[in-house]
Protein backbone atom coordinates (compact mmCIF):
# COMPACT_ATOMS: atom_id res chain seq x y z
CA MET A 1 109.03 -85.29 -14.47
CA ALA A 2 110.53 -86.34 -17.79
CA LEU A 3 111.54 -84.50 -20.88
CA PHE A 4 112.02 -86.31 -24.16
CA LYS A 5 114.75 -85.80 -26.74
CA LEU A 6 115.25 -87.20 -30.23
CA GLN A 7 118.26 -89.15 -31.44
CA VAL A 8 119.28 -90.46 -34.87
CA GLU A 9 121.92 -93.06 -35.74
CA GLU A 10 124.39 -92.17 -38.49
CA ASP A 11 125.76 -94.62 -41.04
CA ASP A 12 128.88 -95.13 -38.87
CA GLN A 13 126.58 -96.37 -36.05
CA THR A 14 127.04 -93.33 -33.80
CA TRP A 15 123.97 -91.74 -32.24
CA HIS A 16 123.50 -87.99 -32.03
CA ASP A 17 120.89 -85.68 -30.53
CA VAL A 18 118.62 -83.78 -32.89
CA LYS A 19 119.34 -80.05 -32.51
CA ASN A 20 117.52 -76.92 -33.60
CA ALA A 21 118.92 -74.12 -35.76
CA GLU A 22 120.59 -72.54 -32.71
CA GLY A 23 122.43 -75.79 -31.92
CA GLU A 24 120.33 -76.63 -28.85
CA VAL A 25 119.03 -80.14 -28.20
CA VAL A 26 115.35 -80.35 -29.14
CA THR A 27 113.24 -81.46 -26.15
CA PHE A 28 109.54 -82.10 -25.57
CA ASP A 29 107.28 -82.34 -22.51
CA ASP A 30 105.17 -85.02 -24.17
CA GLU A 31 106.40 -88.29 -25.69
CA THR A 32 103.64 -88.33 -28.32
CA LYS A 33 104.70 -84.90 -29.58
CA ALA A 34 108.33 -86.01 -29.61
CA ARG A 35 107.50 -89.07 -31.72
CA ALA A 36 105.41 -86.97 -34.11
CA LYS A 37 108.31 -84.53 -34.60
CA LEU A 38 110.72 -87.42 -35.15
CA GLU A 39 108.44 -88.75 -37.90
CA GLU A 40 108.14 -85.25 -39.39
CA LEU A 41 111.93 -84.78 -39.50
CA TYR A 42 112.90 -88.34 -40.53
CA PRO A 43 109.84 -89.84 -42.27
CA VAL A 44 111.72 -92.45 -44.30
CA LEU A 45 113.69 -93.85 -41.35
CA VAL A 46 110.62 -94.00 -39.11
CA LYS A 47 108.55 -95.75 -41.78
CA LEU A 48 111.32 -98.27 -42.49
CA GLU A 49 111.46 -99.12 -38.78
CA ARG A 50 107.70 -99.51 -38.68
CA TYR A 51 107.89 -102.21 -41.38
CA GLN A 52 111.00 -103.90 -39.95
CA SER A 53 113.13 -103.08 -43.01
CA GLY A 54 116.43 -102.77 -41.23
CA PRO A 55 117.89 -101.82 -37.87
CA LYS A 56 116.48 -99.09 -35.66
CA ARG A 57 117.96 -95.70 -36.64
CA THR A 58 115.80 -93.28 -34.63
CA ARG A 59 114.76 -93.11 -30.99
CA VAL A 60 113.06 -90.97 -28.38
CA ILE A 61 114.95 -90.80 -25.08
CA ALA A 62 113.36 -89.93 -21.72
CA ILE A 63 115.37 -87.48 -19.63
CA TRP A 64 114.37 -87.69 -15.99
CA SER A 65 114.75 -84.64 -13.79
CA ASP A 66 116.50 -84.86 -10.44
CA ASP A 67 113.84 -83.45 -8.10
CA ASP A 68 115.85 -83.84 -4.90
CA ASP A 69 119.14 -82.45 -6.34
CA TRP A 70 121.08 -85.59 -5.41
CA PRO A 71 123.93 -85.69 -4.63
CA GLN A 72 123.86 -82.62 -2.46
CA LYS A 73 126.13 -79.88 -3.77
């Protein structure tokens, strides 16, 4: 099962996770909802990417769970 998190690239070309008011990484169970939230939070960047007006500055990352707890602890 995958969770999805949002990331944004800063002007200095470093990527960071989008966090909520409590400082926790924002995650979603559904990629469509994650992309909608990304567009809600960063509408200008997402629209620029859609029209190819510059490099990609936002992304949705899939986080895969480790169902078998490998390596064994």
